[in-house]
Protein backbone atom coordinates (compact mmCIF):
# COMPACT_ATOMS: atom_id res chain seq x y z
CA UNK A 1 -5.77 12.94 -13.36
CA UNK A 2 -6.31 9.46 -12.36
CA UNK A 3 -5.72 8.50 -16.20
CA UNK A 4 -2.28 10.03 -16.45
CA UNK A 5 -0.75 10.16 -13.11
CA UNK A 6 2.50 8.58 -12.54
CA UNK A 7 1.64 7.97 -8.53
CA UNK A 8 -1.48 6.73 -6.90
CA UNK A 9 -4.55 9.09 -6.94
CA UNK A 10 -7.39 8.94 -4.73
CA UNK A 11 -10.79 10.13 -5.85
CA UNK A 12 -12.96 10.98 -3.04
CA UNK A 13 -16.42 9.99 -3.45
CA UNK A 14 -19.26 7.87 -2.03
CA UNK A 15 -21.91 7.86 0.60
CA UNK A 16 -21.26 9.39 4.10
CA UNK A 17 -20.46 6.07 5.87
CA UNK A 18 -17.72 5.36 3.13
CA UNK A 19 -16.34 8.80 3.69
CA UNK A 20 -16.07 8.53 7.53
CA UNK A 21 -13.75 5.38 7.30
CA UNK A 22 -16.07 3.53 9.67
CA UNK A 23 -16.36 0.18 7.99
CA UNK A 24 -12.67 -1.16 8.63
CA UNK A 25 -12.27 -2.80 5.28
CA UNK A 26 -10.28 -1.90 2.36
CA UNK A 27 -10.94 -3.64 -1.18
CA UNK A 28 -8.33 -4.30 -3.82
CA UNK A 29 -9.50 -5.04 -7.16
CA UNK A 30 -6.78 -7.88 -8.27
CA UNK A 31 -6.43 -7.26 -12.11
CA UNK A 32 -4.51 -9.02 -14.79
CA UNK A 33 -0.80 -9.92 -14.21
CA UNK A 34 1.26 -6.86 -14.76
CA UNK A 35 -1.41 -4.40 -13.38
CA UNK A 36 -1.65 -5.19 -9.74
CA UNK A 37 1.84 -5.22 -8.15
CA UNK A 38 2.04 -1.61 -7.22
CA UNK A 39 -1.65 -1.65 -6.21
CA UNK A 40 -0.99 -4.63 -3.86
CA UNK A 41 1.84 -2.92 -1.98
CA UNK A 42 -0.46 0.36 -1.81
CA UNK A 43 -3.15 -1.76 -0.43
CA UNK A 44 -1.06 -3.39 2.18
CA UNK A 45 0.40 -0.02 3.37
CA UNK A 46 -3.02 1.57 3.48
CA UNK A 47 -4.44 -1.59 5.51
CA UNK A 48 -1.61 -1.43 8.08
CA UNK A 49 -1.91 2.38 8.46
CA UNK A 50 -5.72 2.34 8.99
CA UNK A 51 -5.91 -1.03 10.83
CA UNK A 52 -8.22 -2.32 8.46
CA UNK A 53 -8.83 -5.65 6.96
CA UNK A 54 -7.93 -6.14 3.23
CA UNK A 55 -10.26 -7.95 0.95
CA UNK A 56 -8.38 -9.08 -2.30
CA UNK A 57 -11.14 -9.66 -4.93
CA UNK A 58 -10.63 -11.21 -8.30
CA UNK A 59 -13.55 -11.31 -10.48
CA UNK A 60 -13.74 -14.27 -13.07
CA UNK A 61 -16.10 -15.27 -15.73
CA UNK A 62 -16.91 -18.61 -17.38
CA UNK A 63 -16.36 -18.17 -21.33
CA UNK A 64 -19.56 -18.21 -23.27
CA UNK A 65 -18.26 -20.77 -25.71
CA UNK A 66 -15.93 -23.49 -24.21
CA UNK A 67 -14.32 -26.18 -26.00
CA UNK A 68 -15.83 -29.64 -25.97
CA UNK A 69 -14.30 -32.09 -23.37
CA UNK A 70 -11.00 -30.89 -22.00
CA UNK A 71 -8.88 -32.96 -19.56
CA UNK A 72 -8.24 -29.94 -17.16
CA UNK A 73 -12.08 -29.30 -17.15
CA UNK A 74 -13.47 -32.68 -15.91
CA UNK A 75 -15.84 -32.17 -13.10
CA UNK A 76 -17.14 -28.54 -12.19
CA UNK A 77 -16.07 -26.09 -14.83
CA UNK A 78 -16.65 -23.17 -12.48
CA UNK A 79 -14.55 -24.65 -9.79
CA UNK A 80 -11.85 -24.55 -12.52
CA UNK A 81 -12.26 -20.92 -13.17
CA UNK A 82 -12.83 -20.14 -9.51
CA UNK A 83 -9.49 -21.98 -8.62
CA UNK A 84 -7.54 -20.17 -11.49
CA UNK A 85 -8.53 -16.64 -9.86
CA UNK A 86 -7.60 -18.09 -6.41
CA UNK A 87 -4.23 -18.81 -7.81
CA UNK A 88 -3.83 -15.40 -9.15
CA UNK A 89 -4.74 -13.91 -5.75
CA UNK A 90 -2.28 -16.19 -4.03
CA UNK A 91 0.53 -15.19 -6.64
CA UNK A 92 -0.15 -11.48 -5.96
CA UNK A 93 -0.02 -11.85 -2.21
CA UNK A 94 3.17 -13.94 -2.25
CA UNK A 95 5.31 -10.91 -2.69
CA UNK A 96 3.50 -8.46 -0.58
CA UNK A 97 2.09 -10.18 2.42
CA UNK A 98 5.25 -11.06 4.25
CA UNK A 99 6.08 -7.30 4.43
CA UNK A 100 2.70 -6.64 6.33
CA UNK A 101 2.07 -9.64 8.71
CA UNK A 102 -0.34 -7.72 10.92
CA UNK A 103 -2.93 -7.16 8.18
CA UNK A 104 -5.68 -9.49 7.97
CA UNK A 105 -6.29 -10.61 4.24
CA UNK A 106 -9.41 -12.11 2.87
CA UNK A 107 -9.21 -13.62 -0.47
CA UNK A 108 -12.38 -13.43 -2.69
CA UNK A 109 -12.53 -15.10 -6.18
CA UNK A 110 -15.95 -13.76 -7.45
CA UNK A 111 -17.80 -14.78 -10.52
CA UNK A 112 -19.09 -11.58 -12.58
CA UNK A 113 -18.09 -8.78 -14.43
CA UNK A 114 -15.14 -6.90 -12.61
CA UNK A 115 -16.64 -3.45 -12.62
CA UNK A 116 -19.97 -4.81 -11.18
CA UNK A 117 -18.11 -6.86 -8.48
CA UNK A 118 -16.18 -3.92 -7.49
CA UNK A 119 -19.02 -1.53 -7.25
CA UNK A 120 -20.73 -3.84 -5.27
CA UNK A 121 -17.94 -4.68 -2.67
CA UNK A 122 -17.36 -0.75 -2.41
CA UNK A 123 -20.60 -0.50 -0.48
CA UNK A 124 -18.88 -2.25 2.39
CA UNK A 125 -15.24 -0.50 2.07
CA UNK A 126 -13.38 2.53 3.31
CA UNK A 127 -11.26 2.35 0.30
CA UNK A 128 -11.45 0.69 -3.16
CA UNK A 129 -7.82 0.08 -4.72
CA UNK A 130 -7.44 -0.56 -8.39
CA UNK A 131 -4.12 -0.85 -10.49
CA UNK A 132 -3.66 0.44 -14.02
CA UNK A 133 -1.07 -0.40 -16.19
CA UNK A 134 1.09 2.58 -17.74
CA UNK A 135 2.59 2.77 -20.90
CA UNK A 136 5.22 5.46 -21.56
CA UNK A 137 4.56 7.46 -24.66
CA UNK A 138 1.10 6.35 -25.05
CA UNK A 139 -1.47 9.03 -25.82
CA UNK A 140 -4.79 9.35 -24.37
CA UNK A 141 -6.47 7.93 -21.02
CA UNK A 142 -5.15 4.87 -19.65
CA UNK A 143 -7.89 3.54 -17.83
CA UNK A 144 -9.62 0.13 -18.41
CA UNK A 145 -13.42 -0.44 -18.24
CA UNK A 146 -13.29 -1.39 -14.68
CA UNK A 147 -11.36 1.41 -13.56
CA UNK A 148 -13.55 3.69 -15.43
CA UNK A 149 -16.62 2.24 -14.11
CA UNK A 150 -15.68 2.16 -10.31
CA UNK A 151 -14.42 5.95 -10.62
CA UNK A 152 -18.06 6.78 -11.56
CA UNK A 153 -20.14 4.39 -9.55
CA UNK A 154 -18.08 3.52 -6.37
CA UNK A 155 -19.65 3.93 -3.05
CA UNK A 156 -16.32 4.96 -1.31
CA UNK A 157 -13.19 6.56 -2.35
CA UNK A 158 -11.20 5.00 -4.90
CA UNK A 159 -7.29 4.86 -5.20
CA UNK A 160 -6.03 4.23 -8.75
CA UNK A 161 -2.49 2.96 -8.67
CA UNK A 162 -0.60 3.07 -11.59
CA UNK A 163 1.83 0.26 -12.56
CA UNK A 164 4.81 1.66 -14.60
CA UNK A 165 6.98 -0.38 -17.03
């Protein structure tokens, strides 16, 4: 269902504390451009309705093989990749944040695999939200690796929000 729905699907899973909605926190996995706009709007509506903080998490990884000296990579290369993740978070928030001024937003650019970072963050959340890109006419499941992993391993309910073309 989560792989084919044209609207948000919430999969109820997790430990008893996560199901009781006592943590006061919603986590949004900020994905690639084009996959997170609808998820961001959904996350703000949920955070506002539940009176929760919204943690926007963007996982980043340093490439295994980087080119030699690069003018933009002087200094700390990790800082460069972390700043790129922060810029992506800010760009996503720019459209949705003004509509929900009462929602407290925390930005987290975190180094690591997206699926591992999100499963780890789900332990402290009432709801984990991920966006997925839908392609009309595409046969088969349309879930990426991170979505697939969090649906099976998150410690709280997971909302899968499709981004339609």
